[in-house]
C-alpha atoms as a PDB file:
ATOM      1  CA  MET A   1      73.792 100.626  96.651  1.00  0.00           C
ATOM      2  CA  LYS A   2      74.951 103.769  98.364  1.00  0.00           C
ATOM      3  CA  LYS A   3      77.309 101.868 100.429  1.00  0.00           C
ATOM      4  CA  THR A   4      78.778 100.124  97.200  1.00  0.00           C
ATOM      5  CA  LEU A   5      79.483 103.279  95.552  1.00  0.00           C
ATOM      6  CA  THR A   6      81.052 104.490  98.988  1.00  0.00           C
ATOM      7  CA  VAL A   7      83.372 101.504  98.777  1.00  0.00           C
ATOM      8  CA  LEU A   8      84.290 101.819  95.199  1.00  0.00           C
ATOM      9  CA  GLY A   9      84.914 105.533  95.305  1.00  0.00           C
ATOM     10  CA  PHE A  10      87.374 104.706  98.342  1.00  0.00           C
ATOM     11  CA  LEU A  11      89.077 102.158  96.194  1.00  0.00           C
ATOM     12  CA  ALA A  12      89.506 104.521  93.067  1.00  0.00           C
ATOM     13  CA  VAL A  13      90.993 106.894  95.318  1.00  0.00           C
ATOM     14  CA  PHE A  14      93.612 104.542  97.053  1.00  0.00           C
ATOM     15  CA  PRO A  15      95.347 102.303  94.609  1.00  0.00           C
ATOM     16  CA  ALA A  16      95.864  98.786  95.569  1.00  0.00           C
ATOM     17  CA  GLY A  17      99.329  99.177  95.838  1.00  0.00           C
ATOM     18  CA  VAL A  18      98.982 101.794  99.026  1.00  0.00           C
ATOM     19  CA  ALA A  19      97.232  99.116 100.942  1.00  0.00           C
ATOM     20  CA  TYR A  20     100.475  96.997 100.657  1.00  0.00           C
ATOM     21  CA  ALA A  21     102.822  99.705 101.135  1.00  0.00           C
ATOM     22  CA  ASP A  22     105.312  98.376 103.793  1.00  0.00           C
ATOM     23  CA  ASP A  23     108.923  97.266 104.608  1.00  0.00           C
ATOM     24  CA  ASP A  24     108.141  93.480 103.801  1.00  0.00           C
ATOM     25  CA  CYS A  25     109.996  91.861 100.802  1.00  0.00           C
ATOM     26  CA  PHE A  26     108.099  89.391  98.981  1.00  0.00           C
ATOM     27  CA  VAL A  27     110.632  87.420  97.172  1.00  0.00           C
ATOM     28  CA  PRO A  28     110.609  83.710  96.404  1.00  0.00           C
ATOM     29  CA  MET A  29     113.349  81.886  98.398  1.00  0.00           C
ATOM     30  CA  ALA A  30     114.675  80.491  95.095  1.00  0.00           C
ATOM     31  CA  ASP A  31     115.358  84.323  94.103  1.00  0.00           C
ATOM     32  CA  TRP A  32     117.427  85.172  97.073  1.00  0.00           C
ATOM     33  CA  GLN A  33     121.142  85.896  97.214  1.00  0.00           C
ATOM     34  CA  PRO A  34     123.111  84.092  99.564  1.00  0.00           C
ATOM     35  CA  ARG A  35     124.140  85.323 103.117  1.00  0.00           C
ATOM     36  CA  ASP A  36     127.585  85.498 101.933  1.00  0.00           C
ATOM     37  CA  ALA A  37     126.697  88.223  99.204  1.00  0.00           C
ATOM     38  CA  VAL A  38     125.047  90.377 102.009  1.00  0.00           C
ATOM     39  CA  ALA A  39     128.245  90.104 104.089  1.00  0.00           C
ATOM     40  CA  ARG A  40     130.078  91.320 101.072  1.00  0.00           C
ATOM     41  CA  LEU A  41     127.868  94.017 100.560  1.00  0.00           C
ATOM     42  CA  ALA A  42     128.534  95.170 104.220  1.00  0.00           C
ATOM     43  CA  GLU A  43     132.157  95.091 103.676  1.00  0.00           C
ATOM     44  CA  GLU A  44     132.139  97.043 100.600  1.00  0.00           C
ATOM     45  CA  ASN A  45     130.070  99.711 102.455  1.00  0.00           C
ATOM     46  CA  GLY A  46     132.440  99.618 105.328  1.00  0.00           C
ATOM     47  CA  TRP A  47     130.084  98.239 107.648  1.00  0.00           C
ATOM     48  CA  SER A  48     131.000  96.019 110.802  1.00  0.00           C
ATOM     49  CA  VAL A  49     128.394  93.183 110.815  1.00  0.00           C
ATOM     50  CA  ARG A  50     127.220  92.052 114.363  1.00  0.00           C
ATOM     51  CA  ARG A  51     124.254  89.765 112.819  1.00  0.00           C
ATOM     52  CA  ILE A  52     122.538  89.258 109.546  1.00  0.00           C
ATOM     53  CA  LYS A  53     119.161  88.054 110.020  1.00  0.00           C
ATOM     54  CA  ILE A  54     115.957  87.820 107.945  1.00  0.00           C
ATOM     55  CA  ASP A  55     112.973  90.163 109.214  1.00  0.00           C
ATOM     56  CA  ASP A  56     109.691  90.326 107.170  1.00  0.00           C
ATOM     57  CA  GLY A  57     111.195  88.225 104.239  1.00  0.00           C
ATOM     58  CA  CYS A  58     114.012  91.044 103.892  1.00  0.00           C
ATOM     59  CA  TYR A  59     117.541  90.524 105.235  1.00  0.00           C
ATOM     60  CA  GLU A  60     118.567  92.853 108.063  1.00  0.00           C
ATOM     61  CA  ILE A  61     122.122  93.588 108.837  1.00  0.00           C
ATOM     62  CA  ASP A  62     122.788  94.730 112.322  1.00  0.00           C
ATOM     63  CA  GLY A  63     126.170  96.389 113.123  1.00  0.00           C
ATOM     64  CA  THR A  64     128.397  99.498 113.028  1.00  0.00           C
ATOM     65  CA  ASP A  65     129.460 101.786 110.176  1.00  0.00           C
ATOM     66  CA  ALA A  66     132.584 103.021 109.207  1.00  0.00           C
ATOM     67  CA  THR A  67     132.847 105.680 112.280  1.00  0.00           C
ATOM     68  CA  GLY A  68     131.346 103.051 114.516  1.00  0.00           C
ATOM     69  CA  ARG A  69     127.971 104.411 114.769  1.00  0.00           C
ATOM     70  CA  ARG A  70     125.347 101.430 115.226  1.00  0.00           C
ATOM     71  CA  ILE A  71     123.175 100.607 112.118  1.00  0.00           C
ATOM     72  CA  GLU A  72     120.291  98.649 110.983  1.00  0.00           C
ATOM     73  CA  VAL A  73     120.115  98.170 107.177  1.00  0.00           C
ATOM     74  CA  THR A  74     117.144  96.234 105.509  1.00  0.00           C
ATOM     75  CA  VAL A  75     118.381  94.797 102.107  1.00  0.00           C
ATOM     76  CA  ASP A  76     116.016  93.076  99.411  1.00  0.00           C
ATOM     77  CA  PRO A  77     116.994  89.696  99.100  1.00  0.00           C
ATOM     78  CA  ALA A  78     117.030  89.175  95.435  1.00  0.00           C
ATOM     79  CA  THR A  79     118.632  92.562  94.296  1.00  0.00           C
ATOM     80  CA  LEU A  80     120.715  93.654  97.540  1.00  0.00           C
ATOM     81  CA  GLN A  81     119.400  96.790  96.972  1.00  0.00           C
ATOM     82  CA  VAL A  82     119.445  98.904 100.452  1.00  0.00           C
ATOM     83  CA  LEU A  83     115.828  99.500 101.436  1.00  0.00           C
ATOM     84  CA  GLU A  84     116.346 101.155 104.842  1.00  0.00           C
ATOM     85  CA  PHE A  85     119.427 102.732 106.336  1.00  0.00           C
ATOM     86  CA  GLU A  86     118.994 103.327 110.025  1.00  0.00           C
ATOM     87  CA  TYR A  87     121.161 104.734 112.777  1.00  0.00           C
ATOM     88  CA  GLU A  88     120.424 103.740 116.249  1.00  0.00           C
ATOM     89  CA  ASP A  89     121.821 106.092 118.776  1.00  0.00           C
ATOM     90  CA  ASP A  90     121.240 105.518 122.563  1.00  0.00           C
ATOM     91  CA  SER A  91     119.627 108.793 122.685  1.00  0.00           C
ATOM     92  CA  HIS A  92     117.440 108.812 119.432  1.00  0.00           C
ATOM     93  CA  ARG A  93     116.821 106.837 116.379  1.00  0.00           C
ATOM     94  CA  ARG A  94     117.284 108.188 113.087  1.00  0.00           C
ATOM     95  CA  ARG A  95     115.877 106.710 109.929  1.00  0.00           C
ATOM     96  CA  ASP A  96     116.874 107.078 106.392  1.00  0.00           C
ATOM     97  CA  ARG A  97     115.313 105.782 103.522  1.00  0.00           C
ATOM     98  CA  GLY A  98     117.827 104.410 101.008  1.00  0.00           C
ATOM     99  CA  ALA A  99     121.795 104.160 101.022  1.00  0.00           C
ATOM    100  CA  PRO A 100     123.842 106.498 103.378  1.00  0.00           C
ATOM    101  CA  SER A 101     125.151 109.559 101.894  1.00  0.00           C
ATOM    102  CA  HIS A 102     129.177 109.408 102.134  1.00  0.00           C
ATOM    103  CA  ASP A 103     129.757 113.222 102.465  1.00  0.00           C
END
């Protein structure tokens, strides 16, 4: 009985959504935007696309930004919202959540 209360107490402190907090996309294929729409998104942002692939159910763009820096961008396949924007440098990796700033 004490174990059950401990487990229930743990579950009450950590909502179910936290257990699934990751970078995966869970979108039915019927709701996906076409790959061409992802390419247009990249073009609108000034990104040169080396490759568009599917990773963990999300679109992933590998390429360079307008300044030539290597980037990896994770995109929701239904909404085309940028979920993760990552600069990839030879010396280090920097991760930015959300869309890049254009300052």
